[in-house]
């Protein structure tokens, strides 16, 4: 049985195009990085933390401002933000120990995992946004 599962997994992976494999690797990397660097505050399921930390799960902010996400992760955020009609005013620290590539992978993961409908943004568009951070 185990051999059959390995065989089926190998076939499904070999059926993927190079770009699909890269995308799967980016999402996997993003999931691991999210767990290490983001889930303590935003929770593993993206639900946020009471009235202190905004949710990512079903957050209207993500669909309106997806290209702001890389800068928020890299530079942090101070001041109020309204997510799903609720105002949050907790400082988010900059993630200075993450590489640009790590930030992009987290963004790709978050934008696929937490909105009601995944947000399609290319790594290139996110990278350009990241280079323009103030």
C-alpha atoms as a PDB file:
ATOM      1  CA  UNK A   1       0.000   0.000   0.000  1.00  0.00           C
ATOM      2  CA  UNK A   2       2.780   2.423   0.932  1.00  0.00           C
ATOM      3  CA  UNK A   3       4.510   1.682  -2.386  1.00  0.00           C
ATOM      4  CA  UNK A   4       1.313   2.528  -4.241  1.00  0.00           C
ATOM      5  CA  UNK A   5       1.045   5.882  -2.443  1.00  0.00           C
ATOM      6  CA  UNK A   6       4.641   6.742  -3.296  1.00  0.00           C
ATOM      7  CA  UNK A   7       4.053   5.746  -6.917  1.00  0.00           C
ATOM      8  CA  UNK A   8       0.891   7.893  -7.145  1.00  0.00           C
ATOM      9  CA  UNK A   9       2.667  10.863  -5.565  1.00  0.00           C
ATOM     10  CA  UNK A  10       5.542  10.518  -8.035  1.00  0.00           C
ATOM     11  CA  UNK A  11       3.141  10.420 -10.972  1.00  0.00           C
ATOM     12  CA  UNK A  12       1.231  13.486  -9.791  1.00  0.00           C
ATOM     13  CA  UNK A  13       4.464  15.426  -9.257  1.00  0.00           C
ATOM     14  CA  UNK A  14       5.823  14.428 -12.654  1.00  0.00           C
ATOM     15  CA  UNK A  15       2.557  15.584 -14.242  1.00  0.00           C
ATOM     16  CA  UNK A  16       3.123  19.110 -12.917  1.00  0.00           C
ATOM     17  CA  UNK A  17       4.791  21.714 -15.089  1.00  0.00           C
ATOM     18  CA  UNK A  18       7.958  23.452 -13.906  1.00  0.00           C
ATOM     19  CA  UNK A  19       5.998  26.586 -13.025  1.00  0.00           C
ATOM     20  CA  UNK A  20       3.476  24.555 -11.015  1.00  0.00           C
ATOM     21  CA  UNK A  21       6.300  22.886  -9.089  1.00  0.00           C
ATOM     22  CA  UNK A  22       7.894  26.258  -8.367  1.00  0.00           C
ATOM     23  CA  UNK A  23       4.538  27.592  -7.192  1.00  0.00           C
ATOM     24  CA  UNK A  24       4.003  24.571  -4.926  1.00  0.00           C
ATOM     25  CA  UNK A  25       7.498  25.011  -3.491  1.00  0.00           C
ATOM     26  CA  UNK A  26       6.887  28.733  -2.872  1.00  0.00           C
ATOM     27  CA  UNK A  27       3.608  28.025  -1.084  1.00  0.00           C
ATOM     28  CA  UNK A  28       5.195  25.294   1.009  1.00  0.00           C
ATOM     29  CA  UNK A  29       8.062  27.602   1.937  1.00  0.00           C
ATOM     30  CA  UNK A  30       5.601  30.403   2.679  1.00  0.00           C
ATOM     31  CA  UNK A  31       3.526  28.139   4.929  1.00  0.00           C
ATOM     32  CA  UNK A  32       6.587  27.177   6.978  1.00  0.00           C
ATOM     33  CA  UNK A  33       7.771  30.786   7.223  1.00  0.00           C
ATOM     34  CA  UNK A  34       4.275  31.972   8.186  1.00  0.00           C
ATOM     35  CA  UNK A  35       4.180  29.388  10.960  1.00  0.00           C
ATOM     36  CA  UNK A  36       7.576  30.529  12.294  1.00  0.00           C
ATOM     37  CA  UNK A  37       7.219  34.296  11.967  1.00  0.00           C
ATOM     38  CA  UNK A  38       3.523  35.212  11.781  1.00  0.00           C
ATOM     39  CA  UNK A  39       1.299  32.648  13.456  1.00  0.00           C
ATOM     40  CA  UNK A  40       2.136  33.710  17.021  1.00  0.00           C
ATOM     41  CA  UNK A  41       0.177  36.907  16.468  1.00  0.00           C
ATOM     42  CA  UNK A  42      -2.108  36.218  13.509  1.00  0.00           C
ATOM     43  CA  UNK A  43      -2.722  32.585  14.610  1.00  0.00           C
ATOM     44  CA  UNK A  44      -2.180  29.457  12.539  1.00  0.00           C
ATOM     45  CA  UNK A  45      -5.683  29.737  11.077  1.00  0.00           C
ATOM     46  CA  UNK A  46      -5.332  33.469  10.353  1.00  0.00           C
ATOM     47  CA  UNK A  47      -8.032  34.438  12.861  1.00  0.00           C
ATOM     48  CA  UNK A  48      -5.954  37.154  14.565  1.00  0.00           C
ATOM     49  CA  UNK A  49      -5.965  37.829  18.280  1.00  0.00           C
ATOM     50  CA  UNK A  50      -9.141  39.309  19.759  1.00  0.00           C
ATOM     51  CA  UNK A  51      -9.220  43.096  19.270  1.00  0.00           C
ATOM     52  CA  UNK A  52      -5.410  43.352  19.278  1.00  0.00           C
ATOM     53  CA  UNK A  53      -4.173  41.677  16.095  1.00  0.00           C
ATOM     54  CA  UNK A  54      -6.224  41.790  12.889  1.00  0.00           C
ATOM     55  CA  UNK A  55      -7.297  38.587  11.204  1.00  0.00           C
ATOM     56  CA  UNK A  56      -5.912  37.530   7.864  1.00  0.00           C
ATOM     57  CA  UNK A  57      -8.634  34.941   7.331  1.00  0.00           C
ATOM     58  CA  UNK A  58     -11.375  36.466   5.156  1.00  0.00           C
ATOM     59  CA  UNK A  59      -9.815  39.915   5.656  1.00  0.00           C
ATOM     60  CA  UNK A  60     -11.251  42.541   3.321  1.00  0.00           C
ATOM     61  CA  UNK A  61      -7.966  44.442   3.706  1.00  0.00           C
ATOM     62  CA  UNK A  62      -6.064  41.751   1.784  1.00  0.00           C
ATOM     63  CA  UNK A  63      -8.321  41.941  -1.250  1.00  0.00           C
ATOM     64  CA  UNK A  64      -8.108  45.747  -1.273  1.00  0.00           C
ATOM     65  CA  UNK A  65      -4.397  46.059  -0.538  1.00  0.00           C
ATOM     66  CA  UNK A  66      -2.612  42.840  -1.528  1.00  0.00           C
ATOM     67  CA  UNK A  67       0.400  44.717  -2.898  1.00  0.00           C
ATOM     68  CA  UNK A  68       0.906  46.507   0.453  1.00  0.00           C
ATOM     69  CA  UNK A  69       1.542  43.200   2.200  1.00  0.00           C
ATOM     70  CA  UNK A  70       5.264  42.864   1.341  1.00  0.00           C
ATOM     71  CA  UNK A  71       6.060  46.322   2.743  1.00  0.00           C
ATOM     72  CA  UNK A  72       3.997  45.713   5.865  1.00  0.00           C
ATOM     73  CA  UNK A  73       5.959  42.534   6.550  1.00  0.00           C
ATOM     74  CA  UNK A  74       9.335  44.093   5.751  1.00  0.00           C
ATOM     75  CA  UNK A  75       8.893  47.499   7.423  1.00  0.00           C
ATOM     76  CA  UNK A  76       6.224  46.752  10.007  1.00  0.00           C
ATOM     77  CA  UNK A  77       3.199  48.917  10.591  1.00  0.00           C
ATOM     78  CA  UNK A  78       2.235  51.531  13.106  1.00  0.00           C
ATOM     79  CA  UNK A  79      -1.094  53.294  13.426  1.00  0.00           C
ATOM     80  CA  UNK A  80      -4.620  52.137  12.929  1.00  0.00           C
ATOM     81  CA  UNK A  81      -5.888  49.741  10.324  1.00  0.00           C
ATOM     82  CA  UNK A  82      -9.494  48.748   9.655  1.00  0.00           C
ATOM     83  CA  UNK A  83     -10.099  45.098   8.809  1.00  0.00           C
ATOM     84  CA  UNK A  84     -13.621  43.816   8.257  1.00  0.00           C
ATOM     85  CA  UNK A  85     -15.011  46.975   9.824  1.00  0.00           C
ATOM     86  CA  UNK A  86     -12.980  46.668  13.033  1.00  0.00           C
ATOM     87  CA  UNK A  87     -10.208  49.126  13.879  1.00  0.00           C
ATOM     88  CA  UNK A  88      -6.894  47.742  15.142  1.00  0.00           C
ATOM     89  CA  UNK A  89      -4.095  49.913  16.474  1.00  0.00           C
ATOM     90  CA  UNK A  90      -1.391  47.509  17.627  1.00  0.00           C
ATOM     91  CA  UNK A  91       2.110  48.055  16.263  1.00  0.00           C
ATOM     92  CA  UNK A  92       3.364  45.297  13.974  1.00  0.00           C
ATOM     93  CA  UNK A  93       7.136  44.948  14.160  1.00  0.00           C
ATOM     94  CA  UNK A  94       9.288  44.892  11.030  1.00  0.00           C
ATOM     95  CA  UNK A  95      10.527  41.446  10.084  1.00  0.00           C
ATOM     96  CA  UNK A  96      14.156  42.442   9.590  1.00  0.00           C
ATOM     97  CA  UNK A  97      15.478  38.869   9.708  1.00  0.00           C
ATOM     98  CA  UNK A  98      13.547  37.759   6.633  1.00  0.00           C
ATOM     99  CA  UNK A  99      15.023  37.907   3.156  1.00  0.00           C
ATOM    100  CA  UNK A 100      13.033  39.481   0.333  1.00  0.00           C
ATOM    101  CA  UNK A 101      12.469  35.974  -1.049  1.00  0.00           C
ATOM    102  CA  UNK A 102      11.095  34.822   2.322  1.00  0.00           C
ATOM    103  CA  UNK A 103       8.739  37.802   2.429  1.00  0.00           C
ATOM    104  CA  UNK A 104       7.478  37.065  -1.063  1.00  0.00           C
ATOM    105  CA  UNK A 105       6.828  33.432  -0.181  1.00  0.00           C
ATOM    106  CA  UNK A 106       4.885  34.441   2.932  1.00  0.00           C
ATOM    107  CA  UNK A 107       2.829  36.866   0.829  1.00  0.00           C
ATOM    108  CA  UNK A 108       2.043  34.230  -1.779  1.00  0.00           C
ATOM    109  CA  UNK A 109       0.977  31.815   0.954  1.00  0.00           C
ATOM    110  CA  UNK A 110      -1.173  34.359   2.811  1.00  0.00           C
ATOM    111  CA  UNK A 111      -2.885  35.540  -0.374  1.00  0.00           C
ATOM    112  CA  UNK A 112      -3.737  31.960  -1.342  1.00  0.00           C
ATOM    113  CA  UNK A 113      -4.649  30.599   2.090  1.00  0.00           C
ATOM    114  CA  UNK A 114      -6.673  33.225   3.922  1.00  0.00           C
ATOM    115  CA  UNK A 115      -8.967  35.192   1.585  1.00  0.00           C
ATOM    116  CA  UNK A 116     -12.370  33.684   0.827  1.00  0.00           C
ATOM    117  CA  UNK A 117     -11.231  33.548  -2.793  1.00  0.00           C
ATOM    118  CA  UNK A 118      -7.460  33.212  -3.359  1.00  0.00           C
ATOM    119  CA  UNK A 119      -5.866  36.407  -4.649  1.00  0.00           C
ATOM    120  CA  UNK A 120      -3.788  35.889  -7.770  1.00  0.00           C
ATOM    121  CA  UNK A 121      -0.715  38.084  -7.610  1.00  0.00           C
ATOM    122  CA  UNK A 122       2.549  37.147  -9.253  1.00  0.00           C
ATOM    123  CA  UNK A 123       5.800  36.938  -7.396  1.00  0.00           C
ATOM    124  CA  UNK A 124       7.105  39.580  -9.822  1.00  0.00           C
ATOM    125  CA  UNK A 125       4.345  42.052  -8.913  1.00  0.00           C
ATOM    126  CA  UNK A 126       4.948  41.468  -5.204  1.00  0.00           C
ATOM    127  CA  UNK A 127       8.696  41.869  -5.758  1.00  0.00           C
ATOM    128  CA  UNK A 128       8.184  45.188  -7.533  1.00  0.00           C
ATOM    129  CA  UNK A 129       5.971  46.366  -4.663  1.00  0.00           C
ATOM    130  CA  UNK A 130       8.637  45.289  -2.179  1.00  0.00           C
ATOM    131  CA  UNK A 131      11.322  47.282  -4.012  1.00  0.00           C
ATOM    132  CA  UNK A 132       9.149  50.414  -3.762  1.00  0.00           C
ATOM    133  CA  UNK A 133       8.701  50.228   0.026  1.00  0.00           C
ATOM    134  CA  UNK A 134       9.216  53.636   1.613  1.00  0.00           C
END
